[in-house]
Amino acid sequence: MSRLPRDPLVIGRVIGDVLDPFNRSVDLRVNYNSREVNNGSEFRPSQVVNQPRVEVGGNDLRNFYTLVMVDPDAPNPSDPTLREYLHWLVTDIPGTTNATFGNQEFGYESPRPSSGIHRFVIVLFRQLGRQTVFPPGWRQNFITRDFAELHNLGLPVAAVYYNCQRESGSGGRRLP
């Protein structure tokens, strides 16, 4: 009996730290310039300055989605007192379109980690209807699970994460 490869969201501790286990049911493509984000990809801050292009799958324009981007390692992975820091929130994204068709509730704030390797998690939820999700009052100490529960979003339908550390790096893995 062969073993299935482990889920990269589990290996990267996204499942556990940020999300509960879920089954991906909608395609989610995230690109910074022409580079696609895959789970565990490494980016430098200079590569993620501008808001990424986010394409949402699904099969119906009548379904709406919420996109959340958080840093569960803020301000420092060894002491994440601001966990989770909200970098971006877009609601009412119609299925089969991209995030620019939604309502940007919190504008994209580019990652600028000052120490350590940070995970940046992009999560997609299916909304119960249009205009049913509202922004929180602040970015720091955002909790994706609580936000989803408050707005009856249920489990995510897709998620992806990447790693980022300051431009010069601080030891550890070397960025390409």
N, C-alpha and C. Protein backbone atom coordinates (compact mmCIF):
# COMPACT_ATOMS: atom_id res chain seq x y z
N MET A 1 0.84 -1.18 0.00
CA MET A 1 0.00 0.00 0.00
C MET A 1 0.89 1.25 0.00
N SER A 2 0.68 2.13 -0.97
CA SER A 2 1.51 3.33 -1.04
C SER A 2 0.92 4.43 -0.17
N ARG A 3 1.77 5.26 0.35
CA ARG A 3 1.33 6.38 1.18
C ARG A 3 1.11 7.59 0.30
N LEU A 4 0.03 8.28 0.55
CA LEU A 4 -0.23 9.51 -0.18
C LEU A 4 0.68 10.60 0.38
N PRO A 5 1.16 11.50 -0.49
CA PRO A 5 1.99 12.59 0.02
C PRO A 5 1.17 13.44 1.00
N ARG A 6 1.82 13.92 2.03
CA ARG A 6 1.11 14.74 3.02
C ARG A 6 0.74 16.09 2.43
N ASP A 7 -0.33 16.61 2.92
CA ASP A 7 -0.84 17.90 2.47
C ASP A 7 0.17 18.99 2.85
N PRO A 8 0.60 19.81 1.89
CA PRO A 8 1.58 20.86 2.21
C PRO A 8 1.03 21.88 3.21
N LEU A 9 -0.28 22.05 3.29
CA LEU A 9 -0.84 22.96 4.29
C LEU A 9 -0.68 22.40 5.70
N VAL A 10 -0.62 21.07 5.81
CA VAL A 10 -0.36 20.43 7.11
C VAL A 10 1.12 20.54 7.44
N ILE A 11 1.96 20.22 6.46
CA ILE A 11 3.41 20.29 6.66
C ILE A 11 3.84 21.70 7.06
N GLY A 12 3.25 22.72 6.41
CA GLY A 12 3.59 24.11 6.72
C GLY A 12 2.87 24.66 7.94
N ARG A 13 2.11 23.79 8.64
CA ARG A 13 1.37 24.16 9.85
C ARG A 13 0.31 25.23 9.61
N VAL A 14 -0.11 25.40 8.35
CA VAL A 14 -1.23 26.31 8.08
C VAL A 14 -2.50 25.67 8.64
N ILE A 15 -2.66 24.35 8.35
CA ILE A 15 -3.72 23.59 9.00
C ILE A 15 -3.24 23.41 10.44
N GLY A 16 -3.96 23.92 11.35
CA GLY A 16 -3.55 23.88 12.77
C GLY A 16 -3.39 25.30 13.28
N ASP A 17 -2.44 26.05 12.72
CA ASP A 17 -2.19 27.42 13.19
C ASP A 17 -3.28 28.39 12.72
N VAL A 18 -3.77 28.21 11.48
CA VAL A 18 -4.71 29.17 10.90
C VAL A 18 -6.05 28.53 10.55
N LEU A 19 -6.00 27.34 9.97
CA LEU A 19 -7.21 26.70 9.43
C LEU A 19 -7.43 25.32 10.03
N ASP A 20 -8.67 24.89 9.99
CA ASP A 20 -9.01 23.51 10.30
C ASP A 20 -8.93 22.72 9.00
N PRO A 21 -8.81 21.40 9.07
CA PRO A 21 -8.77 20.60 7.83
C PRO A 21 -10.02 20.85 6.98
N PHE A 22 -9.82 20.90 5.67
CA PHE A 22 -10.92 21.13 4.73
C PHE A 22 -10.60 20.43 3.42
N ASN A 23 -11.61 20.27 2.60
CA ASN A 23 -11.43 19.71 1.26
C ASN A 23 -11.51 20.84 0.25
N ARG A 24 -10.48 20.96 -0.57
CA ARG A 24 -10.46 21.99 -1.60
C ARG A 24 -11.55 21.67 -2.63
N SER A 25 -12.40 22.65 -2.89
CA SER A 25 -13.50 22.42 -3.83
C SER A 25 -13.59 23.46 -4.93
N VAL A 26 -12.73 24.49 -4.87
CA VAL A 26 -12.73 25.56 -5.87
C VAL A 26 -11.28 25.84 -6.24
N ASP A 27 -11.03 26.08 -7.51
CA ASP A 27 -9.69 26.43 -7.95
C ASP A 27 -9.36 27.85 -7.50
N LEU A 28 -8.12 28.02 -7.04
CA LEU A 28 -7.62 29.32 -6.62
C LEU A 28 -6.22 29.46 -7.19
N ARG A 29 -6.02 30.48 -8.04
CA ARG A 29 -4.69 30.73 -8.61
C ARG A 29 -4.25 32.12 -8.19
N VAL A 30 -3.04 32.18 -7.61
CA VAL A 30 -2.47 33.44 -7.13
C VAL A 30 -1.15 33.64 -7.84
N ASN A 31 -0.99 34.81 -8.49
CA ASN A 31 0.24 35.11 -9.22
C ASN A 31 0.75 36.49 -8.85
N TYR A 32 2.04 36.55 -8.53
CA TYR A 32 2.74 37.82 -8.39
C TYR A 32 3.51 38.01 -9.68
N ASN A 33 3.12 39.01 -10.44
CA ASN A 33 3.63 39.20 -11.80
C ASN A 33 3.35 37.90 -12.55
N SER A 34 4.34 37.22 -13.06
CA SER A 34 4.06 35.99 -13.80
C SER A 34 4.36 34.74 -12.98
N ARG A 35 4.71 34.90 -11.71
CA ARG A 35 5.08 33.75 -10.89
C ARG A 35 3.91 33.27 -10.04
N GLU A 36 3.52 32.03 -10.23
CA GLU A 36 2.41 31.47 -9.48
C GLU A 36 2.84 31.08 -8.07
N VAL A 37 1.95 31.29 -7.13
CA VAL A 37 2.20 30.90 -5.75
C VAL A 37 1.77 29.44 -5.59
N ASN A 38 2.70 28.63 -5.16
CA ASN A 38 2.42 27.24 -4.80
C ASN A 38 2.72 27.11 -3.31
N ASN A 39 2.07 26.14 -2.65
CA ASN A 39 2.29 25.98 -1.22
C ASN A 39 3.76 25.82 -0.91
N GLY A 40 4.25 26.68 -0.01
CA GLY A 40 5.64 26.62 0.41
C GLY A 40 6.60 27.38 -0.48
N SER A 41 6.11 28.03 -1.56
CA SER A 41 7.01 28.84 -2.41
C SER A 41 7.68 29.89 -1.56
N GLU A 42 8.84 30.33 -2.02
CA GLU A 42 9.55 31.39 -1.30
C GLU A 42 9.63 32.64 -2.17
N PHE A 43 9.29 33.75 -1.56
CA PHE A 43 9.32 35.05 -2.24
C PHE A 43 10.08 36.04 -1.37
N ARG A 44 10.73 36.98 -2.02
CA ARG A 44 11.35 38.10 -1.31
C ARG A 44 10.33 39.23 -1.23
N PRO A 45 10.44 40.12 -0.24
CA PRO A 45 9.49 41.24 -0.14
C PRO A 45 9.40 42.05 -1.44
N SER A 46 10.52 42.21 -2.14
CA SER A 46 10.49 42.98 -3.39
C SER A 46 9.65 42.32 -4.47
N GLN A 47 9.39 41.02 -4.34
CA GLN A 47 8.59 40.29 -5.33
C GLN A 47 7.10 40.34 -5.01
N VAL A 48 6.74 40.77 -3.81
CA VAL A 48 5.34 40.77 -3.40
C VAL A 48 4.84 42.16 -3.00
N VAL A 49 5.50 43.19 -3.52
CA VAL A 49 5.13 44.57 -3.21
C VAL A 49 3.72 44.87 -3.72
N ASN A 50 3.45 44.46 -4.95
CA ASN A 50 2.16 44.76 -5.56
C ASN A 50 1.17 43.63 -5.34
N GLN A 51 -0.08 44.00 -5.23
CA GLN A 51 -1.17 43.06 -5.04
C GLN A 51 -1.11 41.96 -6.10
N PRO A 52 -1.26 40.70 -5.71
CA PRO A 52 -1.22 39.63 -6.69
C PRO A 52 -2.50 39.57 -7.50
N ARG A 53 -2.43 38.88 -8.62
CA ARG A 53 -3.65 38.57 -9.39
C ARG A 53 -4.19 37.27 -8.81
N VAL A 54 -5.44 37.29 -8.41
CA VAL A 54 -6.07 36.13 -7.80
C VAL A 54 -7.27 35.73 -8.66
N GLU A 55 -7.20 34.53 -9.21
CA GLU A 55 -8.29 34.00 -10.02
C GLU A 55 -9.05 32.96 -9.22
N VAL A 56 -10.37 33.13 -9.20
CA VAL A 56 -11.25 32.25 -8.45
C VAL A 56 -12.01 31.37 -9.43
N GLY A 57 -11.99 30.08 -9.17
CA GLY A 57 -12.72 29.13 -10.02
C GLY A 57 -14.18 29.12 -9.68
N GLY A 58 -14.71 27.93 -9.51
CA GLY A 58 -16.14 27.81 -9.29
C GLY A 58 -16.82 27.61 -10.62
N ASN A 59 -18.10 27.42 -10.59
CA ASN A 59 -18.80 27.16 -11.84
C ASN A 59 -20.01 28.06 -12.02
N ASP A 60 -20.09 29.12 -11.23
CA ASP A 60 -21.30 29.92 -11.27
C ASP A 60 -21.01 31.34 -10.81
N LEU A 61 -21.36 32.32 -11.63
CA LEU A 61 -21.19 33.73 -11.26
C LEU A 61 -22.09 34.11 -10.10
N ARG A 62 -23.10 33.29 -9.77
CA ARG A 62 -24.01 33.61 -8.68
C ARG A 62 -23.45 33.21 -7.32
N ASN A 63 -22.32 32.50 -7.31
CA ASN A 63 -21.64 32.21 -6.04
C ASN A 63 -20.66 33.34 -5.76
N PHE A 64 -20.59 33.76 -4.50
CA PHE A 64 -19.67 34.83 -4.12
C PHE A 64 -18.68 34.30 -3.09
N TYR A 65 -17.48 34.86 -3.14
CA TYR A 65 -16.38 34.37 -2.31
C TYR A 65 -15.73 35.51 -1.54
N THR A 66 -15.13 35.15 -0.41
CA THR A 66 -14.33 36.07 0.40
C THR A 66 -12.90 35.58 0.38
N LEU A 67 -11.97 36.49 0.15
CA LEU A 67 -10.54 36.19 0.14
C LEU A 67 -9.90 36.86 1.35
N VAL A 68 -9.14 36.09 2.10
CA VAL A 68 -8.44 36.58 3.29
C VAL A 68 -6.96 36.26 3.12
N MET A 69 -6.09 37.22 3.40
CA MET A 69 -4.64 36.98 3.39
C MET A 69 -4.10 37.39 4.75
N VAL A 70 -3.46 36.43 5.45
CA VAL A 70 -2.96 36.70 6.79
C VAL A 70 -1.50 36.24 6.94
N ASP A 71 -0.84 36.85 7.92
CA ASP A 71 0.49 36.45 8.35
C ASP A 71 0.36 35.91 9.77
N PRO A 72 0.40 34.57 9.94
CA PRO A 72 0.28 34.01 11.28
C PRO A 72 1.56 34.12 12.10
N ASP A 73 2.62 34.69 11.51
CA ASP A 73 3.92 34.76 12.17
C ASP A 73 4.32 36.18 12.57
N ALA A 74 3.36 37.11 12.56
CA ALA A 74 3.68 38.51 12.86
C ALA A 74 3.74 38.72 14.38
N PRO A 75 4.64 39.55 14.85
CA PRO A 75 5.72 40.21 14.11
C PRO A 75 6.96 39.34 13.94
N ASN A 76 7.01 38.21 14.66
CA ASN A 76 8.18 37.36 14.64
C ASN A 76 7.72 35.91 14.81
N PRO A 77 8.19 34.99 13.96
CA PRO A 77 7.72 33.60 14.06
C PRO A 77 7.94 32.96 15.44
N SER A 78 8.97 33.40 16.18
CA SER A 78 9.20 32.80 17.49
C SER A 78 8.33 33.43 18.58
N ASP A 79 7.70 34.57 18.28
CA ASP A 79 6.81 35.24 19.23
C ASP A 79 5.72 35.98 18.45
N PRO A 80 4.76 35.23 17.88
CA PRO A 80 3.75 35.84 16.99
C PRO A 80 2.62 36.53 17.75
N THR A 81 2.95 37.61 18.44
CA THR A 81 1.97 38.29 19.29
C THR A 81 0.87 38.99 18.50
N LEU A 82 1.08 39.24 17.21
CA LEU A 82 0.04 39.87 16.39
C LEU A 82 -0.72 38.84 15.55
N ARG A 83 -0.44 37.55 15.79
CA ARG A 83 -1.08 36.48 15.01
C ARG A 83 -2.57 36.67 15.04
N GLU A 84 -3.23 36.59 14.00
CA GLU A 84 -2.85 36.63 12.61
C GLU A 84 -2.95 38.08 12.18
N TYR A 85 -1.99 38.55 11.40
CA TYR A 85 -2.05 39.92 10.90
C TYR A 85 -2.74 39.89 9.54
N LEU A 86 -3.79 40.69 9.38
CA LEU A 86 -4.59 40.71 8.16
C LEU A 86 -3.94 41.61 7.11
N HIS A 87 -3.48 41.01 6.03
CA HIS A 87 -2.83 41.78 4.95
C HIS A 87 -3.79 42.19 3.85
N TRP A 88 -4.93 41.47 3.72
CA TRP A 88 -5.82 41.76 2.60
C TRP A 88 -7.16 41.10 2.87
N LEU A 89 -8.25 41.78 2.54
CA LEU A 89 -9.58 41.21 2.66
C LEU A 89 -10.44 41.71 1.51
N VAL A 90 -10.94 40.76 0.72
CA VAL A 90 -11.81 41.08 -0.41
C VAL A 90 -13.07 40.22 -0.27
N THR A 91 -14.24 40.85 -0.39
CA THR A 91 -15.51 40.13 -0.29
C THR A 91 -16.27 40.23 -1.61
N ASP A 92 -17.32 39.44 -1.72
CA ASP A 92 -18.24 39.49 -2.87
C ASP A 92 -17.54 39.28 -4.20
N ILE A 93 -16.57 38.37 -4.25
CA ILE A 93 -15.90 38.04 -5.52
C ILE A 93 -16.79 37.04 -6.24
N PRO A 94 -17.29 37.36 -7.44
CA PRO A 94 -18.12 36.40 -8.16
C PRO A 94 -17.27 35.20 -8.62
N GLY A 95 -17.86 34.02 -8.56
CA GLY A 95 -17.17 32.83 -9.05
C GLY A 95 -16.77 33.00 -10.50
N THR A 96 -15.74 32.32 -10.91
CA THR A 96 -15.18 32.32 -12.27
C THR A 96 -14.58 33.67 -12.67
N THR A 97 -14.26 34.54 -11.69
CA THR A 97 -13.65 35.84 -12.01
C THR A 97 -12.36 35.98 -11.20
N ASN A 98 -11.91 37.21 -11.01
CA ASN A 98 -10.73 37.43 -10.16
C ASN A 98 -11.05 38.45 -9.09
N ALA A 99 -10.13 38.60 -8.15
CA ALA A 99 -10.37 39.41 -6.96
C ALA A 99 -10.70 40.87 -7.27
N THR A 100 -10.30 41.36 -8.43
CA THR A 100 -10.60 42.76 -8.76
C THR A 100 -12.09 43.00 -8.95
N PHE A 101 -12.88 41.93 -9.11
CA PHE A 101 -14.32 42.07 -9.26
C PHE A 101 -15.04 42.11 -7.91
N GLY A 102 -14.31 41.90 -6.82
CA GLY A 102 -14.90 41.91 -5.48
C GLY A 102 -14.79 43.28 -4.83
N ASN A 103 -15.22 43.35 -3.59
CA ASN A 103 -15.12 44.58 -2.79
C ASN A 103 -13.91 44.48 -1.88
N GLN A 104 -12.96 45.37 -2.10
CA GLN A 104 -11.75 45.37 -1.29
C GLN A 104 -12.06 46.05 0.05
N GLU A 105 -12.20 45.25 1.10
CA GLU A 105 -12.55 45.77 2.41
C GLU A 105 -11.31 46.29 3.15
N PHE A 106 -10.21 45.57 3.02
CA PHE A 106 -8.91 46.01 3.52
C PHE A 106 -7.96 45.91 2.34
N GLY A 107 -7.38 47.03 1.91
CA GLY A 107 -6.47 47.03 0.79
C GLY A 107 -5.25 46.16 1.06
N TYR A 108 -4.65 45.70 -0.01
CA TYR A 108 -3.47 44.84 0.07
C TYR A 108 -2.33 45.59 0.76
N GLU A 109 -1.78 44.99 1.80
CA GLU A 109 -0.60 45.53 2.48
C GLU A 109 0.54 44.55 2.22
N SER A 110 1.56 45.04 1.52
CA SER A 110 2.63 44.13 1.11
C SER A 110 3.42 43.60 2.31
N PRO A 111 3.81 42.33 2.24
CA PRO A 111 4.61 41.72 3.31
C PRO A 111 5.97 42.39 3.46
N ARG A 112 6.34 42.68 4.72
CA ARG A 112 7.65 43.26 5.03
C ARG A 112 8.18 42.64 6.31
N PRO A 113 8.42 41.32 6.31
CA PRO A 113 8.90 40.69 7.54
C PRO A 113 10.25 41.26 7.97
N SER A 114 10.39 41.54 9.27
CA SER A 114 11.64 42.11 9.76
C SER A 114 12.58 41.05 10.32
N SER A 115 12.03 39.91 10.74
CA SER A 115 12.91 38.85 11.23
C SER A 115 12.24 37.50 11.03
N GLY A 116 13.03 36.52 10.71
CA GLY A 116 12.53 35.17 10.54
C GLY A 116 11.80 34.96 9.23
N ILE A 117 11.38 33.74 9.02
CA ILE A 117 10.63 33.36 7.83
C ILE A 117 9.15 33.37 8.19
N HIS A 118 8.39 34.17 7.46
CA HIS A 118 6.95 34.30 7.71
C HIS A 118 6.17 33.53 6.65
N ARG A 119 5.03 32.96 7.09
CA ARG A 119 4.09 32.33 6.16
C ARG A 119 3.00 33.35 5.83
N PHE A 120 2.66 33.46 4.59
CA PHE A 120 1.55 34.31 4.17
C PHE A 120 0.50 33.40 3.56
N VAL A 121 -0.67 33.38 4.19
CA VAL A 121 -1.72 32.43 3.88
C VAL A 121 -2.86 33.15 3.17
N ILE A 122 -3.24 32.65 2.01
CA ILE A 122 -4.35 33.21 1.23
C ILE A 122 -5.46 32.16 1.24
N VAL A 123 -6.61 32.56 1.78
CA VAL A 123 -7.72 31.63 1.99
C VAL A 123 -8.95 32.13 1.25
N LEU A 124 -9.68 31.18 0.67
CA LEU A 124 -10.91 31.51 -0.04
C LEU A 124 -12.08 30.80 0.63
N PHE A 125 -13.15 31.56 0.91
CA PHE A 125 -14.37 31.03 1.49
C PHE A 125 -15.54 31.30 0.55
N ARG A 126 -16.50 30.40 0.50
CA ARG A 126 -17.74 30.65 -0.24
C ARG A 126 -18.71 31.35 0.71
N GLN A 127 -19.27 32.46 0.25
CA GLN A 127 -20.24 33.21 1.04
C GLN A 127 -21.63 32.62 0.88
N LEU A 128 -22.49 32.86 1.87
CA LEU A 128 -23.88 32.42 1.77
C LEU A 128 -24.66 33.28 0.78
N GLY A 129 -24.24 34.51 0.59
CA GLY A 129 -24.89 35.43 -0.33
C GLY A 129 -24.06 36.68 -0.46
N ARG A 130 -24.50 37.55 -1.33
CA ARG A 130 -23.77 38.80 -1.55
C ARG A 130 -24.01 39.75 -0.37
N GLN A 131 -23.00 40.53 -0.05
CA GLN A 131 -23.04 41.53 1.01
C GLN A 131 -23.42 40.92 2.36
N THR A 132 -22.81 39.77 2.67
CA THR A 132 -23.05 39.10 3.95
C THR A 132 -21.80 39.08 4.82
N VAL A 133 -20.69 39.64 4.31
CA VAL A 133 -19.42 39.63 5.04
C VAL A 133 -18.94 41.06 5.21
N PHE A 134 -18.55 41.39 6.43
CA PHE A 134 -18.15 42.75 6.75
C PHE A 134 -16.76 42.75 7.39
N PRO A 135 -15.99 43.82 7.16
CA PRO A 135 -14.61 43.85 7.66
C PRO A 135 -14.55 44.03 9.18
N PRO A 136 -13.47 43.49 9.78
CA PRO A 136 -13.25 43.75 11.20
C PRO A 136 -12.75 45.18 11.39
N GLY A 137 -12.56 45.59 12.62
CA GLY A 137 -12.13 46.96 12.90
C GLY A 137 -10.62 47.18 12.84
N TRP A 138 -9.83 46.10 12.72
CA TRP A 138 -8.38 46.23 12.76
C TRP A 138 -7.74 45.06 12.03
N ARG A 139 -6.45 45.18 11.79
CA ARG A 139 -5.69 44.15 11.09
C ARG A 139 -5.00 43.16 12.02
N GLN A 140 -4.48 43.64 13.17
CA GLN A 140 -3.71 42.76 14.05
C GLN A 140 -4.63 41.85 14.84
N ASN A 141 -4.11 40.68 15.20
CA ASN A 141 -4.85 39.67 15.97
C ASN A 141 -6.17 39.25 15.33
N PHE A 142 -6.20 39.29 14.01
CA PHE A 142 -7.33 38.75 13.25
C PHE A 142 -7.29 37.23 13.41
N ILE A 143 -8.42 36.60 13.53
CA ILE A 143 -8.45 35.14 13.65
C ILE A 143 -9.36 34.62 12.54
N THR A 144 -8.76 33.99 11.55
CA THR A 144 -9.49 33.53 10.38
C THR A 144 -10.66 32.63 10.77
N ARG A 145 -10.44 31.70 11.68
CA ARG A 145 -11.52 30.78 12.10
C ARG A 145 -12.70 31.55 12.70
N ASP A 146 -12.42 32.52 13.58
CA ASP A 146 -13.49 33.30 14.20
C ASP A 146 -14.23 34.14 13.17
N PHE A 147 -13.49 34.73 12.24
CA PHE A 147 -14.08 35.54 11.19
C PHE A 147 -15.04 34.69 10.35
N ALA A 148 -14.59 33.48 9.99
CA ALA A 148 -15.41 32.58 9.19
C ALA A 148 -16.68 32.19 9.94
N GLU A 149 -16.54 31.94 11.23
CA GLU A 149 -17.71 31.56 12.04
C GLU A 149 -18.69 32.73 12.16
N LEU A 150 -18.18 33.92 12.42
CA LEU A 150 -19.01 35.11 12.57
C LEU A 150 -19.87 35.36 11.33
N HIS A 151 -19.30 35.09 10.14
CA HIS A 151 -19.98 35.39 8.89
C HIS A 151 -20.56 34.15 8.21
N ASN A 152 -20.65 33.04 8.97
CA ASN A 152 -21.24 31.80 8.45
C ASN A 152 -20.59 31.35 7.14
N LEU A 153 -19.26 31.43 7.09
CA LEU A 153 -18.53 31.05 5.88
C LEU A 153 -18.20 29.56 5.84
N GLY A 154 -18.25 28.90 6.97
CA GLY A 154 -17.91 27.49 7.00
C GLY A 154 -16.42 27.29 6.79
N LEU A 155 -16.07 26.10 6.34
CA LEU A 155 -14.66 25.80 6.08
C LEU A 155 -14.22 26.44 4.77
N PRO A 156 -12.92 26.67 4.59
CA PRO A 156 -12.43 27.22 3.33
C PRO A 156 -12.76 26.30 2.16
N VAL A 157 -12.79 26.88 0.97
CA VAL A 157 -12.94 26.08 -0.25
C VAL A 157 -11.61 25.97 -0.98
N ALA A 158 -10.63 26.81 -0.59
CA ALA A 158 -9.28 26.75 -1.15
C ALA A 158 -8.35 27.58 -0.28
N ALA A 159 -7.06 27.24 -0.33
CA ALA A 159 -6.04 28.02 0.39
C ALA A 159 -4.68 27.70 -0.22
N VAL A 160 -3.79 28.67 -0.12
CA VAL A 160 -2.41 28.51 -0.55
C VAL A 160 -1.56 29.40 0.34
N TYR A 161 -0.28 29.01 0.53
CA TYR A 161 0.59 29.87 1.33
C TYR A 161 1.98 29.92 0.70
N TYR A 162 2.69 30.99 1.05
CA TYR A 162 4.10 31.11 0.65
C TYR A 162 4.89 31.62 1.83
N ASN A 163 6.20 31.46 1.73
CA ASN A 163 7.13 31.93 2.76
C ASN A 163 7.82 33.21 2.28
N CYS A 164 8.13 34.07 3.22
CA CYS A 164 8.81 35.32 2.88
C CYS A 164 9.67 35.74 4.06
N GLN A 165 10.86 36.24 3.78
CA GLN A 165 11.71 36.81 4.82
C GLN A 165 12.34 38.08 4.27
N ARG A 166 12.93 38.87 5.17
CA ARG A 166 13.46 40.15 4.70
C ARG A 166 14.48 39.95 3.59
N GLU A 167 14.63 40.97 2.80
CA GLU A 167 15.42 40.92 1.57
C GLU A 167 16.79 40.29 1.75
N SER A 168 17.51 40.69 2.78
CA SER A 168 18.88 40.19 2.96
C SER A 168 18.90 38.82 3.61
N GLY A 169 17.75 38.38 4.11
CA GLY A 169 17.69 37.09 4.79
C GLY A 169 18.36 37.19 6.16
N SER A 170 18.13 36.20 6.97
CA SER A 170 18.73 36.21 8.29
C SER A 170 19.17 34.78 8.65
N GLY A 171 19.82 34.15 7.72
CA GLY A 171 20.21 32.76 7.94
C GLY A 171 19.09 31.85 7.55
N GLY A 172 19.23 30.60 7.81
CA GLY A 172 18.19 29.65 7.44
C GLY A 172 18.17 29.41 5.95
N ARG A 173 16.99 29.17 5.42
CA ARG A 173 16.88 28.87 4.00
C ARG A 173 17.21 30.08 3.17
N ARG A 174 17.82 29.84 2.04
CA ARG A 174 18.17 30.91 1.13
C ARG A 174 17.09 31.04 0.07
N LEU A 175 16.68 32.26 -0.20
CA LEU A 175 15.65 32.49 -1.21
C LEU A 175 16.27 32.55 -2.60
N PRO A 176 15.52 32.10 -3.61
CA PRO A 176 16.04 32.13 -4.98
C PRO A 176 16.17 33.54 -5.51
